[in-house]
C-alpha atoms as a PDB file:
ATOM      1  CA  MET A   1      47.145 -21.051 -12.914  1.00  0.00           C
ATOM      2  CA  CYS A   2      43.549 -21.846 -12.020  1.00  0.00           C
ATOM      3  CA  PRO A   3      41.281 -19.066 -13.363  1.00  0.00           C
ATOM      4  CA  ARG A   4      38.665 -19.667 -10.641  1.00  0.00           C
ATOM      5  CA  CYS A   5      40.972 -19.096  -7.646  1.00  0.00           C
ATOM      6  CA  GLU A   6      43.613 -17.081  -9.527  1.00  0.00           C
ATOM      7  CA  GLY A   7      46.358 -19.283  -8.076  1.00  0.00           C
ATOM      8  CA  ARG A   8      45.475 -18.582  -4.439  1.00  0.00           C
ATOM      9  CA  GLY A   9      44.014 -21.998  -3.673  1.00  0.00           C
ATOM     10  CA  SER A  10      40.737 -20.598  -2.373  1.00  0.00           C
ATOM     11  CA  VAL A  11      37.760 -18.820  -3.893  1.00  0.00           C
ATOM     12  CA  THR A  12      36.005 -15.807  -2.437  1.00  0.00           C
ATOM     13  CA  ASP A  13      32.574 -15.177  -3.913  1.00  0.00           C
ATOM     14  CA  ILE A  14      30.061 -12.430  -3.271  1.00  0.00           C
ATOM     15  CA  ASP A  15      26.514 -13.394  -2.324  1.00  0.00           C
ATOM     16  CA  LEU A  16      24.560 -11.473  -4.971  1.00  0.00           C
ATOM     17  CA  SER A  17      21.395 -11.536  -2.860  1.00  0.00           C
ATOM     18  CA  GLU A  18      23.192  -9.124  -0.524  1.00  0.00           C
ATOM     19  CA  LEU A  19      23.660  -6.597  -3.373  1.00  0.00           C
ATOM     20  CA  TYR A  20      20.086  -6.315  -4.623  1.00  0.00           C
ATOM     21  CA  ASP A  21      16.496  -7.323  -3.925  1.00  0.00           C
ATOM     22  CA  GLY A  22      15.395  -9.341  -6.958  1.00  0.00           C
ATOM     23  CA  THR A  23      11.687  -8.732  -6.302  1.00  0.00           C
ATOM     24  CA  LYS A  24      12.105  -4.984  -6.926  1.00  0.00           C
ATOM     25  CA  SER A  25      13.024  -2.975  -9.994  1.00  0.00           C
ATOM     26  CA  LEU A  26      15.922  -0.541  -9.963  1.00  0.00           C
ATOM     27  CA  ASN A  27      13.465   2.346  -9.815  1.00  0.00           C
ATOM     28  CA  GLU A  28      11.785   0.709  -6.800  1.00  0.00           C
ATOM     29  CA  GLY A  29      15.084   0.633  -4.907  1.00  0.00           C
ATOM     30  CA  ALA A  30      16.385  -2.865  -5.651  1.00  0.00           C
ATOM     31  CA  LEU A  31      20.018  -1.964  -5.004  1.00  0.00           C
ATOM     32  CA  THR A  32      20.985  -2.479  -1.366  1.00  0.00           C
ATOM     33  CA  ILE A  33      24.592  -1.349  -1.748  1.00  0.00           C
ATOM     34  CA  PRO A  34      25.360   1.674   0.456  1.00  0.00           C
ATOM     35  CA  GLY A  35      25.866   4.756  -1.700  1.00  0.00           C
ATOM     36  CA  TYR A  36      23.983   3.392  -4.721  1.00  0.00           C
ATOM     37  CA  SER A  37      20.571   4.954  -5.205  1.00  0.00           C
ATOM     38  CA  MET A  38      18.398   5.783  -8.158  1.00  0.00           C
ATOM     39  CA  ASP A  39      18.134   9.377  -6.877  1.00  0.00           C
ATOM     40  CA  GLY A  40      21.791  10.130  -7.482  1.00  0.00           C
ATOM     41  CA  TRP A  41      24.571   9.659  -9.987  1.00  0.00           C
ATOM     42  CA  TYR A  42      24.182   5.886 -10.276  1.00  0.00           C
ATOM     43  CA  GLY A  43      20.477   6.239 -10.971  1.00  0.00           C
ATOM     44  CA  ARG A  44      21.193   8.519 -13.906  1.00  0.00           C
ATOM     45  CA  ILE A  45      23.750   6.045 -15.241  1.00  0.00           C
ATOM     46  CA  PHE A  46      21.428   3.034 -14.907  1.00  0.00           C
ATOM     47  CA  ASN A  47      18.445   4.881 -16.391  1.00  0.00           C
ATOM     48  CA  GLY A  48      20.428   6.344 -19.278  1.00  0.00           C
ATOM     49  CA  CYS A  49      22.568   3.395 -20.336  1.00  0.00           C
ATOM     50  CA  GLY A  50      19.848   1.489 -22.215  1.00  0.00           C
ATOM     51  CA  PHE A  51      21.188  -1.979 -21.344  1.00  0.00           C
ATOM     52  CA  PHE A  52      18.143  -2.992 -19.285  1.00  0.00           C
ATOM     53  CA  ASP A  53      14.674  -1.836 -18.198  1.00  0.00           C
ATOM     54  CA  PRO A  54      14.914  -0.012 -14.832  1.00  0.00           C
ATOM     55  CA  ASP A  55      11.188  -0.634 -14.218  1.00  0.00           C
ATOM     56  CA  LYS A  56      11.392  -4.444 -14.534  1.00  0.00           C
ATOM     57  CA  PRO A  57      12.022  -6.488 -11.344  1.00  0.00           C
ATOM     58  CA  ILE A  58      15.572  -7.820 -11.376  1.00  0.00           C
ATOM     59  CA  GLN A  59      14.418 -11.432 -10.952  1.00  0.00           C
ATOM     60  CA  LYS A  60      12.708 -11.124 -14.364  1.00  0.00           C
ATOM     61  CA  TYR A  61      15.869  -9.978 -16.141  1.00  0.00           C
ATOM     62  CA  LYS A  62      17.175 -12.268 -18.831  1.00  0.00           C
ATOM     63  CA  LYS A  63      20.655 -13.700 -18.323  1.00  0.00           C
ATOM     64  CA  LYS A  64      22.247 -11.051 -20.583  1.00  0.00           C
ATOM     65  CA  GLU A  65      20.461  -8.182 -18.791  1.00  0.00           C
ATOM     66  CA  LEU A  66      21.618  -9.422 -15.380  1.00  0.00           C
ATOM     67  CA  GLU A  67      25.160  -9.880 -16.684  1.00  0.00           C
ATOM     68  CA  ASP A  68      25.098  -6.300 -18.001  1.00  0.00           C
ATOM     69  CA  LEU A  69      23.792  -4.956 -14.690  1.00  0.00           C
ATOM     70  CA  LEU A  70      26.411  -6.737 -12.599  1.00  0.00           C
ATOM     71  CA  HIS A  71      29.483  -6.810 -14.833  1.00  0.00           C
ATOM     72  CA  LYS A  72      29.289  -4.577 -17.899  1.00  0.00           C
ATOM     73  CA  SER A  73      32.015  -1.970 -18.013  1.00  0.00           C
ATOM     74  CA  ARG A  74      31.268   1.433 -19.391  1.00  0.00           C
ATOM     75  CA  PRO A  75      31.991   1.826 -23.091  1.00  0.00           C
ATOM     76  CA  ARG A  76      34.835   4.071 -24.074  1.00  0.00           C
ATOM     77  CA  SER A  77      33.734   7.121 -25.965  1.00  0.00           C
ATOM     78  CA  ARG A  78      35.607   9.326 -28.339  1.00  0.00           C
ATOM     79  CA  SER A  79      36.261  12.835 -27.258  1.00  0.00           C
ATOM     80  CA  THR A  80      33.920  15.293 -28.909  1.00  0.00           C
ATOM     81  CA  ALA A  81      36.162  18.240 -28.133  1.00  0.00           C
ATOM     82  CA  SER A  82      37.086  20.176 -31.209  1.00  0.00           C
ATOM     83  CA  THR A  83      40.675  20.630 -32.194  1.00  0.00           C
ATOM     84  CA  SER A  84      42.178  24.051 -32.565  1.00  0.00           C
ATOM     85  CA  PRO A  85      40.505  26.006 -35.337  1.00  0.00           C
ATOM     86  CA  THR A  86      42.281  26.336 -38.648  1.00  0.00           C
ATOM     87  CA  ARG A  87      42.457  29.620 -40.448  1.00  0.00           C
ATOM     88  CA  ALA A  88      41.695  29.903 -44.104  1.00  0.00           C
END
């Protein structure tokens, strides 16, 4: 099976210029996707993740930073919940 078209015989790509304005930083409102804003939940995630600088214009991101912004999945974390207490 062809990995590009996943066996469908045609490829559907997203125009990335429709998702963000490369001349702006994330904090300046670069994301143009409805529901994504730096004032809400996504803003806290992008600012707190540490994968890229939210004050740098997206067009100045290095290849790895842009890849992280567009495709990086969230890391799995271990539960910090304590187990039932043991008695001595």
